[in-house]
Amino acid sequence: MSGDPVVDLLGSAGPDGASPEARKKIKAKDYERELARLQEELVRLQRWIRHKGLKVVVIFEGRDAAGKGGVIK
């Protein structure tokens, strides 16, 4: 315990809640591979939602230039 409640709550995470490990840069090749995998998963989820006739709301939160537009495309 540091005595500072914010530091105690967040631990080594920064103000955005990300751990130092999460802030490390990854190689472009690894990023593209993970992005493709996640996009494929999203398409499968979309197909399942349509098949089931469900309704879904998706909310994107992030600062300006955080990449929300690219994710939506």
Protein backbone atom coordinates (compact mmCIF):
# COMPACT_ATOMS: atom_id res chain seq x y z
CA MET A 1 0.00 0.00 0.00
CA SER A 2 1.42 3.34 -1.06
CA GLY A 3 -1.02 5.40 0.95
CA ASP A 4 -2.32 6.97 -2.26
CA PRO A 5 -5.75 5.43 -2.97
CA VAL A 6 -5.45 6.02 -6.73
CA VAL A 7 -2.06 4.33 -6.95
CA ASP A 8 -3.31 1.49 -4.77
CA LEU A 9 -6.35 1.03 -7.03
CA LEU A 10 -4.52 1.19 -10.35
CA GLY A 11 -1.30 -0.48 -9.29
CA SER A 12 1.21 -0.09 -12.11
CA ALA A 13 -1.50 0.86 -14.59
CA GLY A 14 -1.48 4.37 -15.95
CA PRO A 15 -4.35 6.86 -15.90
CA ASP A 16 -5.93 5.10 -18.88
CA GLY A 17 -5.98 1.82 -16.97
CA ALA A 18 -3.50 0.15 -19.31
CA SER A 19 -0.70 -1.87 -17.80
CA PRO A 20 2.90 -1.19 -18.86
CA GLU A 21 2.77 -4.52 -20.73
CA ALA A 22 -0.29 -3.38 -22.70
CA ARG A 23 1.50 -0.20 -23.77
CA LYS A 24 4.36 -2.05 -25.47
CA LYS A 25 4.44 -1.69 -29.23
CA ILE A 26 3.96 -4.80 -31.29
CA LYS A 27 5.38 -5.55 -34.69
CA ALA A 28 3.26 -4.49 -37.65
CA LYS A 29 3.07 -8.10 -38.89
CA ASP A 30 1.78 -9.29 -35.50
CA TYR A 31 -0.70 -6.40 -35.36
CA GLU A 32 -2.07 -7.19 -38.82
CA ARG A 33 -2.40 -10.89 -37.96
CA GLU A 34 -4.30 -10.15 -34.74
CA LEU A 35 -6.46 -7.54 -36.48
CA ALA A 36 -7.44 -10.06 -39.18
CA ARG A 37 -8.27 -12.68 -36.54
CA LEU A 38 -10.46 -10.26 -34.60
CA GLN A 39 -12.20 -9.05 -37.76
CA GLU A 40 -13.02 -12.65 -38.70
CA GLU A 41 -14.44 -13.20 -35.21
CA LEU A 42 -16.55 -10.06 -35.55
CA VAL A 43 -17.96 -11.25 -38.88
CA ARG A 44 -18.88 -14.61 -37.30
CA LEU A 45 -20.64 -12.78 -34.46
CA GLN A 46 -22.50 -10.55 -36.93
CA ARG A 47 -23.71 -13.57 -38.89
CA TRP A 48 -24.86 -15.30 -35.69
CA ILE A 49 -26.72 -12.16 -34.57
CA ARG A 50 -28.51 -11.89 -37.93
CA HIS A 51 -29.30 -15.61 -37.94
CA LYS A 52 -30.85 -15.33 -34.46
CA GLY A 53 -32.70 -12.11 -35.35
CA LEU A 54 -31.17 -10.28 -32.42
CA LYS A 55 -30.72 -6.55 -32.02
CA VAL A 56 -27.40 -5.17 -30.79
CA VAL A 57 -26.02 -1.76 -29.93
CA VAL A 58 -22.27 -1.26 -30.24
CA ILE A 59 -20.66 1.72 -28.56
CA PHE A 60 -17.17 2.90 -29.48
CA GLU A 61 -15.40 4.99 -26.89
CA GLY A 62 -12.03 6.62 -27.30
CA ARG A 63 -10.20 9.87 -27.65
CA ASP A 64 -9.84 11.67 -30.95
CA ALA A 65 -7.51 9.84 -33.32
CA ALA A 66 -7.77 6.68 -31.19
CA GLY A 67 -8.68 4.55 -34.22
CA LYS A 68 -12.46 4.28 -33.78
CA GLY A 69 -13.15 5.16 -37.41
CA GLY A 70 -10.75 2.54 -38.70
CA VAL A 71 -12.35 -0.10 -36.50
CA ILE A 72 -15.83 0.80 -37.72
CA LYS A 73 -14.78 0.59 -41.39
